[in-house]
Amino acid sequence: MAPKAAAPAPRLIAVDDHLEFAQQVLSAGSRNLIASHENYLDFLQQVIHPARDILHVHYLKGFHELRVAYVCERYEQIT
């Protein structure tokens, strides 16, 4: 019989001034932080693609590696 899986740890995020700022700049009725005068394609071309080019110069495949690095740093800080 396989061992019983442990209950998942709670995933808590501290609420700070960043959340208040995000709520202030959020377009009415929107669920993302793209400005009402912008569109997703422009955001990809002007922000995401250039950022990915920079990541690739530093031998990072993409944004996932940044998230993983952040989690590792936070784990080290907490433990």
PDB file of N, CA and C in Angstrom:
ATOM      1  N   MET A   1       0.837  -1.182   0.000  1.00  0.00           N
ATOM      2  CA  MET A   1       0.000   0.000   0.000  1.00  0.00           C
ATOM      3  C   MET A   1       0.883   1.247   0.000  1.00  0.00           C
ATOM      4  N   ALA A   2       0.564   2.177  -0.856  1.00  0.00           N
ATOM      5  CA  ALA A   2       1.351   3.406  -0.970  1.00  0.00           C
ATOM      6  C   ALA A   2       1.140   4.302   0.248  1.00  0.00           C
ATOM      7  N   PRO A   3       2.199   5.032   0.655  1.00  0.00           N
ATOM      8  CA  PRO A   3       2.051   5.923   1.806  1.00  0.00           C
ATOM      9  C   PRO A   3       1.077   7.063   1.486  1.00  0.00           C
ATOM     10  N   LYS A   4       0.413   7.519   2.512  1.00  0.00           N
ATOM     11  CA  LYS A   4      -0.559   8.602   2.362  1.00  0.00           C
ATOM     12  C   LYS A   4       0.187   9.915   2.117  1.00  0.00           C
ATOM     13  N   ALA A   5      -0.281  10.681   1.148  1.00  0.00           N
ATOM     14  CA  ALA A   5       0.358  11.953   0.818  1.00  0.00           C
ATOM     15  C   ALA A   5       0.116  12.964   1.932  1.00  0.00           C
ATOM     16  N   ALA A   6       1.122  13.781   2.189  1.00  0.00           N
ATOM     17  CA  ALA A   6       1.001  14.823   3.210  1.00  0.00           C
ATOM     18  C   ALA A   6       0.082  15.932   2.709  1.00  0.00           C
ATOM     19  N   ALA A   7      -0.572  16.595   3.638  1.00  0.00           N
ATOM     20  CA  ALA A   7      -1.437  17.722   3.275  1.00  0.00           C
ATOM     21  C   ALA A   7      -0.561  18.850   2.729  1.00  0.00           C
ATOM     22  N   PRO A   8      -1.034  19.543   1.702  1.00  0.00           N
ATOM     23  CA  PRO A   8      -0.222  20.622   1.143  1.00  0.00           C
ATOM     24  C   PRO A   8      -0.065  21.762   2.142  1.00  0.00           C
ATOM     25  N   ALA A   9       1.091  22.394   2.104  1.00  0.00           N
ATOM     26  CA  ALA A   9       1.357  23.536   2.983  1.00  0.00           C
ATOM     27  C   ALA A   9       0.560  24.739   2.481  1.00  0.00           C
ATOM     28  N   PRO A  10       0.091  25.580   3.387  1.00  0.00           N
ATOM     29  CA  PRO A  10      -0.638  26.771   2.946  1.00  0.00           C
ATOM     30  C   PRO A  10       0.275  27.689   2.152  1.00  0.00           C
ATOM     31  N   ARG A  11      -0.277  28.308   1.125  1.00  0.00           N
ATOM     32  CA  ARG A  11       0.502  29.216   0.271  1.00  0.00           C
ATOM     33  C   ARG A  11       0.045  30.636   0.579  1.00  0.00           C
ATOM     34  N   LEU A  12       0.758  31.288   1.477  1.00  0.00           N
ATOM     35  CA  LEU A  12       0.389  32.616   1.916  1.00  0.00           C
ATOM     36  C   LEU A  12       1.264  33.664   1.248  1.00  0.00           C
ATOM     37  N   ILE A  13       0.650  34.762   0.879  1.00  0.00           N
ATOM     38  CA  ILE A  13       1.368  35.877   0.270  1.00  0.00           C
ATOM     39  C   ILE A  13       1.119  37.099   1.123  1.00  0.00           C
ATOM     40  N   ALA A  14       2.190  37.754   1.556  1.00  0.00           N
ATOM     41  CA  ALA A  14       2.040  38.953   2.373  1.00  0.00           C
ATOM     42  C   ALA A  14       1.438  40.078   1.530  1.00  0.00           C
ATOM     43  N   VAL A  15       0.452  40.746   2.089  1.00  0.00           N
ATOM     44  CA  VAL A  15      -0.180  41.872   1.406  1.00  0.00           C
ATOM     45  C   VAL A  15       0.559  43.130   1.839  1.00  0.00           C
ATOM     46  N   ASP A  16       0.973  43.911   0.874  1.00  0.00           N
ATOM     47  CA  ASP A  16       1.698  45.135   1.185  1.00  0.00           C
ATOM     48  C   ASP A  16       1.264  46.247   0.232  1.00  0.00           C
ATOM     49  N   ASP A  17       2.055  47.283   0.152  1.00  0.00           N
ATOM     50  CA  ASP A  17       1.724  48.436  -0.691  1.00  0.00           C
ATOM     51  C   ASP A  17       1.632  48.079  -2.169  1.00  0.00           C
ATOM     52  N   HIS A  18       2.302  47.008  -2.601  1.00  0.00           N
ATOM     53  CA  HIS A  18       2.242  46.622  -4.004  1.00  0.00           C
ATOM     54  C   HIS A  18       0.826  46.249  -4.427  1.00  0.00           C
ATOM     55  N   LEU A  19       0.090  45.589  -3.550  1.00  0.00           N
ATOM     56  CA  LEU A  19      -1.282  45.212  -3.868  1.00  0.00           C
ATOM     57  C   LEU A  19      -2.159  46.456  -4.019  1.00  0.00           C
ATOM     58  N   GLU A  20      -1.990  47.412  -3.126  1.00  0.00           N
ATOM     59  CA  GLU A  20      -2.762  48.651  -3.225  1.00  0.00           C
ATOM     60  C   GLU A  20      -2.451  49.371  -4.538  1.00  0.00           C
ATOM     61  N   PHE A  21      -1.179  49.412  -4.914  1.00  0.00           N
ATOM     62  CA  PHE A  21      -0.795  50.047  -6.176  1.00  0.00           C
ATOM     63  C   PHE A  21      -1.413  49.313  -7.353  1.00  0.00           C
ATOM     64  N   ALA A  22      -1.374  47.990  -7.326  1.00  0.00           N
ATOM     65  CA  ALA A  22      -1.948  47.199  -8.422  1.00  0.00           C
ATOM     66  C   ALA A  22      -3.436  47.476  -8.562  1.00  0.00           C
ATOM     67  N   GLN A  23      -4.130  47.590  -7.441  1.00  0.00           N
ATOM     68  CA  GLN A  23      -5.566  47.881  -7.496  1.00  0.00           C
ATOM     69  C   GLN A  23      -5.834  49.265  -8.059  1.00  0.00           C
ATOM     70  N   GLN A  24      -4.950  50.218  -7.792  1.00  0.00           N
ATOM     71  CA  GLN A  24      -5.126  51.579  -8.293  1.00  0.00           C
ATOM     72  C   GLN A  24      -4.945  51.661  -9.809  1.00  0.00           C
ATOM     73  N   VAL A  25      -4.013  50.884 -10.345  1.00  0.00           N
ATOM     74  CA  VAL A  25      -3.731  50.977 -11.781  1.00  0.00           C
ATOM     75  C   VAL A  25      -4.530  49.984 -12.612  1.00  0.00           C
ATOM     76  N   LEU A  26      -5.264  49.101 -11.962  1.00  0.00           N
ATOM     77  CA  LEU A  26      -6.064  48.111 -12.672  1.00  0.00           C
ATOM     78  C   LEU A  26      -7.191  48.791 -13.441  1.00  0.00           C
ATOM     79  N   SER A  27      -7.330  48.471 -14.703  1.00  0.00           N
ATOM     80  CA  SER A  27      -8.406  49.022 -15.521  1.00  0.00           C
ATOM     81  C   SER A  27      -9.735  48.476 -15.038  1.00  0.00           C
ATOM     82  N   ALA A  28     -10.777  49.294 -15.111  1.00  0.00           N
ATOM     83  CA  ALA A  28     -12.108  48.883 -14.654  1.00  0.00           C
ATOM     84  C   ALA A  28     -12.560  47.626 -15.403  1.00  0.00           C
ATOM     85  N   GLY A  29     -12.991  46.631 -14.668  1.00  0.00           N
ATOM     86  CA  GLY A  29     -13.488  45.394 -15.258  1.00  0.00           C
ATOM     87  C   GLY A  29     -12.405  44.455 -15.751  1.00  0.00           C
ATOM     88  N   SER A  30     -11.142  44.818 -15.559  1.00  0.00           N
ATOM     89  CA  SER A  30     -10.042  43.992 -16.050  1.00  0.00           C
ATOM     90  C   SER A  30      -9.518  43.086 -14.946  1.00  0.00           C
ATOM     91  N   ARG A  31      -8.907  41.969 -15.353  1.00  0.00           N
ATOM     92  CA  ARG A  31      -8.279  41.071 -14.390  1.00  0.00           C
ATOM     93  C   ARG A  31      -6.776  40.992 -14.618  1.00  0.00           C
ATOM     94  N   ASN A  32      -6.210  41.941 -15.367  1.00  0.00           N
ATOM     95  CA  ASN A  32      -4.771  41.966 -15.576  1.00  0.00           C
ATOM     96  C   ASN A  32      -4.264  43.400 -15.437  1.00  0.00           C
ATOM     97  N   LEU A  33      -2.969  43.579 -15.496  1.00  0.00           N
ATOM     98  CA  LEU A  33      -2.382  44.902 -15.285  1.00  0.00           C
ATOM     99  C   LEU A  33      -1.982  45.587 -16.591  1.00  0.00           C
ATOM    100  N   ILE A  34      -2.506  45.122 -17.702  1.00  0.00           N
ATOM    101  CA  ILE A  34      -2.259  45.797 -18.969  1.00  0.00           C
ATOM    102  C   ILE A  34      -3.193  47.001 -19.022  1.00  0.00           C
ATOM    103  N   ALA A  35      -2.649  48.157 -19.336  1.00  0.00           N
ATOM    104  CA  ALA A  35      -3.439  49.389 -19.354  1.00  0.00           C
ATOM    105  C   ALA A  35      -4.579  49.278 -20.360  1.00  0.00           C
ATOM    106  N   SER A  36      -5.622  50.019 -20.103  1.00  0.00           N
ATOM    107  CA  SER A  36      -6.807  49.946 -20.960  1.00  0.00           C
ATOM    108  C   SER A  36      -6.510  50.365 -22.394  1.00  0.00           C
ATOM    109  N   HIS A  37      -5.498  51.222 -22.605  1.00  0.00           N
ATOM    110  CA  HIS A  37      -5.144  51.651 -23.965  1.00  0.00           C
ATOM    111  C   HIS A  37      -4.136  50.707 -24.636  1.00  0.00           C
ATOM    112  N   GLU A  38      -3.679  49.668 -23.916  1.00  0.00           N
ATOM    113  CA  GLU A  38      -2.743  48.692 -24.462  1.00  0.00           C
ATOM    114  C   GLU A  38      -3.483  47.412 -24.834  1.00  0.00           C
ATOM    115  N   ASN A  39      -2.809  46.572 -25.613  1.00  0.00           N
ATOM    116  CA  ASN A  39      -3.368  45.253 -25.877  1.00  0.00           C
ATOM    117  C   ASN A  39      -2.277  44.207 -25.644  1.00  0.00           C
ATOM    118  N   TYR A  40      -2.689  42.967 -25.534  1.00  0.00           N
ATOM    119  CA  TYR A  40      -1.762  41.898 -25.165  1.00  0.00           C
ATOM    120  C   TYR A  40      -0.650  41.718 -26.199  1.00  0.00           C
ATOM    121  N   LEU A  41      -0.985  41.814 -27.477  1.00  0.00           N
ATOM    122  CA  LEU A  41       0.031  41.646 -28.522  1.00  0.00           C
ATOM    123  C   LEU A  41       1.119  42.710 -28.402  1.00  0.00           C
ATOM    124  N   ASP A  42       0.716  43.958 -28.197  1.00  0.00           N
ATOM    125  CA  ASP A  42       1.713  45.021 -28.017  1.00  0.00           C
ATOM    126  C   ASP A  42       2.568  44.765 -26.783  1.00  0.00           C
ATOM    127  N   PHE A  43       1.940  44.320 -25.709  1.00  0.00           N
ATOM    128  CA  PHE A  43       2.665  44.011 -24.477  1.00  0.00           C
ATOM    129  C   PHE A  43       3.704  42.917 -24.730  1.00  0.00           C
ATOM    130  N   LEU A  44       3.310  41.881 -25.451  1.00  0.00           N
ATOM    131  CA  LEU A  44       4.256  40.815 -25.784  1.00  0.00           C
ATOM    132  C   LEU A  44       5.439  41.347 -26.578  1.00  0.00           C
ATOM    133  N   GLN A  45       5.145  42.141 -27.609  1.00  0.00           N
ATOM    134  CA  GLN A  45       6.193  42.621 -28.509  1.00  0.00           C
ATOM    135  C   GLN A  45       7.101  43.662 -27.853  1.00  0.00           C
ATOM    136  N   GLN A  46       6.532  44.498 -26.986  1.00  0.00           N
ATOM    137  CA  GLN A  46       7.309  45.600 -26.419  1.00  0.00           C
ATOM    138  C   GLN A  46       7.959  45.275 -25.080  1.00  0.00           C
ATOM    139  N   VAL A  47       7.414  44.302 -24.348  1.00  0.00           N
ATOM    140  CA  VAL A  47       7.928  44.012 -23.009  1.00  0.00           C
ATOM    141  C   VAL A  47       8.450  42.581 -22.888  1.00  0.00           C
ATOM    142  N   ILE A  48       7.617  41.614 -23.179  1.00  0.00           N
ATOM    143  CA  ILE A  48       7.971  40.218 -22.933  1.00  0.00           C
ATOM    144  C   ILE A  48       9.099  39.736 -23.850  1.00  0.00           C
ATOM    145  N   HIS A  49       8.968  39.962 -25.150  1.00  0.00           N
ATOM    146  CA  HIS A  49      10.003  39.483 -26.074  1.00  0.00           C
ATOM    147  C   HIS A  49      11.370  40.118 -25.808  1.00  0.00           C
ATOM    148  N   PRO A  50      11.472  41.439 -25.613  1.00  0.00           N
ATOM    149  CA  PRO A  50      12.782  42.009 -25.273  1.00  0.00           C
ATOM    150  C   PRO A  50      13.341  41.460 -23.955  1.00  0.00           C
ATOM    151  N   ALA A  51      12.465  41.244 -22.981  1.00  0.00           N
ATOM    152  CA  ALA A  51      12.925  40.691 -21.702  1.00  0.00           C
ATOM    153  C   ALA A  51      13.455  39.273 -21.891  1.00  0.00           C
ATOM    154  N   ARG A  52      12.785  38.481 -22.715  1.00  0.00           N
ATOM    155  CA  ARG A  52      13.266  37.120 -22.987  1.00  0.00           C
ATOM    156  C   ARG A  52      14.626  37.144 -23.675  1.00  0.00           C
ATOM    157  N   ASP A  53      14.828  38.104 -24.579  1.00  0.00           N
ATOM    158  CA  ASP A  53      16.136  38.226 -25.233  1.00  0.00           C
ATOM    159  C   ASP A  53      17.235  38.464 -24.204  1.00  0.00           C
ATOM    160  N   ILE A  54      16.949  39.302 -23.221  1.00  0.00           N
ATOM    161  CA  ILE A  54      17.929  39.577 -22.154  1.00  0.00           C
ATOM    162  C   ILE A  54      18.186  38.320 -21.334  1.00  0.00           C
ATOM    163  N   LEU A  55      17.121  37.589 -21.010  1.00  0.00           N
ATOM    164  CA  LEU A  55      17.287  36.350 -20.260  1.00  0.00           C
ATOM    165  C   LEU A  55      18.152  35.357 -21.024  1.00  0.00           C
ATOM    166  N   HIS A  56      17.925  35.239 -22.318  1.00  0.00           N
ATOM    167  CA  HIS A  56      18.696  34.300 -23.138  1.00  0.00           C
ATOM    168  C   HIS A  56      20.172  34.667 -23.185  1.00  0.00           C
ATOM    169  N   VAL A  57      20.494  35.954 -23.193  1.00  0.00           N
ATOM    170  CA  VAL A  57      21.896  36.390 -23.167  1.00  0.00           C
ATOM    171  C   VAL A  57      22.585  35.872 -21.907  1.00  0.00           C
ATOM    172  N   HIS A  58      21.813  35.758 -20.828  1.00  0.00           N
ATOM    173  CA  HIS A  58      22.357  35.293 -19.553  1.00  0.00           C
ATOM    174  C   HIS A  58      22.109  33.793 -19.336  1.00  0.00           C
ATOM    175  N   TYR A  59      21.850  33.087 -20.427  1.00  0.00           N
ATOM    176  CA  TYR A  59      21.686  31.629 -20.419  1.00  0.00           C
ATOM    177  C   TYR A  59      20.498  31.157 -19.572  1.00  0.00           C
ATOM    178  N   LEU A  60      19.455  31.965 -19.509  1.00  0.00           N
ATOM    179  CA  LEU A  60      18.211  31.564 -18.852  1.00  0.00           C
ATOM    180  C   LEU A  60      17.187  31.290 -19.937  1.00  0.00           C
ATOM    181  N   LYS A  61      16.451  30.201 -19.798  1.00  0.00           N
ATOM    182  CA  LYS A  61      15.478  29.832 -20.828  1.00  0.00           C
ATOM    183  C   LYS A  61      14.274  30.762 -20.849  1.00  0.00           C
ATOM    184  N   GLY A  62      13.858  31.230 -19.686  1.00  0.00           N
ATOM    185  CA  GLY A  62      12.675  32.084 -19.641  1.00  0.00           C
ATOM    186  C   GLY A  62      12.356  32.527 -18.233  1.00  0.00           C
ATOM    187  N   PHE A  63      11.137  33.005 -18.065  1.00  0.00           N
ATOM    188  CA  PHE A  63      10.714  33.560 -16.793  1.00  0.00           C
ATOM    189  C   PHE A  63      10.583  32.506 -15.697  1.00  0.00           C
ATOM    190  N   HIS A  64      10.340  31.272 -16.084  1.00  0.00           N
ATOM    191  CA  HIS A  64      10.199  30.203 -15.085  1.00  0.00           C
ATOM    192  C   HIS A  64      11.465  30.093 -14.239  1.00  0.00           C
ATOM    193  N   GLU A  65      12.629  30.210 -14.864  1.00  0.00           N
ATOM    194  CA  GLU A  65      13.883  30.116 -14.137  1.00  0.00           C
ATOM    195  C   GLU A  65      14.013  31.244 -13.122  1.00  0.00           C
ATOM    196  N   LEU A  66      13.482  32.429 -13.437  1.00  0.00           N
ATOM    197  CA  LEU A  66      13.503  33.528 -12.475  1.00  0.00           C
ATOM    198  C   LEU A  66      12.632  33.210 -11.267  1.00  0.00           C
ATOM    199  N   ARG A  67      11.461  32.635 -11.511  1.00  0.00           N
ATOM    200  CA  ARG A  67      10.578  32.260 -10.403  1.00  0.00           C
ATOM    201  C   ARG A  67      11.235  31.198  -9.532  1.00  0.00           C
ATOM    202  N   VAL A  68      11.880  30.226 -10.159  1.00  0.00           N
ATOM    203  CA  VAL A  68      12.546  29.167  -9.410  1.00  0.00           C
ATOM    204  C   VAL A  68      13.683  29.757  -8.565  1.00  0.00           C
ATOM    205  N   ALA A  69      14.460  30.650  -9.136  1.00  0.00           N
ATOM    206  CA  ALA A  69      15.559  31.275  -8.390  1.00  0.00           C
ATOM    207  C   ALA A  69      15.024  32.056  -7.198  1.00  0.00           C
ATOM    208  N   TYR A  70      13.923  32.765  -7.390  1.00  0.00           N
ATOM    209  CA  TYR A  70      13.328  33.525  -6.296  1.00  0.00           C
ATOM    210  C   TYR A  70      12.878  32.588  -5.171  1.00  0.00           C
ATOM    211  N   VAL A  71      12.219  31.503  -5.537  1.00  0.00           N
ATOM    212  CA  VAL A  71      11.736  30.561  -4.527  1.00  0.00           C
ATOM    213  C   VAL A  71      12.912  29.964  -3.762  1.00  0.00           C
ATOM    214  N   CYS A  72      13.978  29.634  -4.447  1.00  0.00           N
ATOM    215  CA  CYS A  72      15.158  29.080  -3.768  1.00  0.00           C
ATOM    216  C   CYS A  72      15.747  30.090  -2.791  1.00  0.00           C
ATOM    217  N   GLU A  73      15.860  31.347  -3.218  1.00  0.00           N
ATOM    218  CA  GLU A  73      16.381  32.390  -2.327  1.00  0.00           C
ATOM    219  C   GLU A  73      15.488  32.572  -1.108  1.00  0.00           C
ATOM    220  N   ARG A  74      14.173  32.594  -1.311  1.00  0.00           N
ATOM    221  CA  ARG A  74      13.242  32.752  -0.186  1.00  0.00           C
ATOM    222  C   ARG A  74      13.330  31.565   0.760  1.00  0.00           C
ATOM    223  N   TYR A  75      13.458  30.375   0.216  1.00  0.00           N
ATOM    224  CA  TYR A  75      13.585  29.186   1.058  1.00  0.00           C
ATOM    225  C   TYR A  75      14.828  29.293   1.933  1.00  0.00           C
ATOM    226  N   GLU A  76      15.945  29.734   1.331  1.00  0.00           N
ATOM    227  CA  GLU A  76      17.179  29.891   2.105  1.00  0.00           C
ATOM    228  C   GLU A  76      17.011  30.943   3.183  1.00  0.00           C
ATOM    229  N   GLN A  77      16.320  32.043   2.877  1.00  0.00           N
ATOM    230  CA  GLN A  77      16.111  33.098   3.869  1.00  0.00           C
ATOM    231  C   GLN A  77      15.254  32.605   5.029  1.00  0.00           C
ATOM    232  N   ILE A  78      14.222  31.849   4.712  1.00  0.00           N
ATOM    233  CA  ILE A  78      13.275  31.416   5.732  1.00  0.00           C
ATOM    234  C   ILE A  78      13.858  30.301   6.598  1.00  0.00           C
ATOM    235  N   THR A  79      14.638  29.423   5.981  1.00  0.00           N
ATOM    236  CA  THR A  79      15.177  28.293   6.736  1.00  0.00           C
ATOM    237  C   THR A  79      16.510  28.614   7.244  1.00  0.00           C
TER     238      THR A  79
END
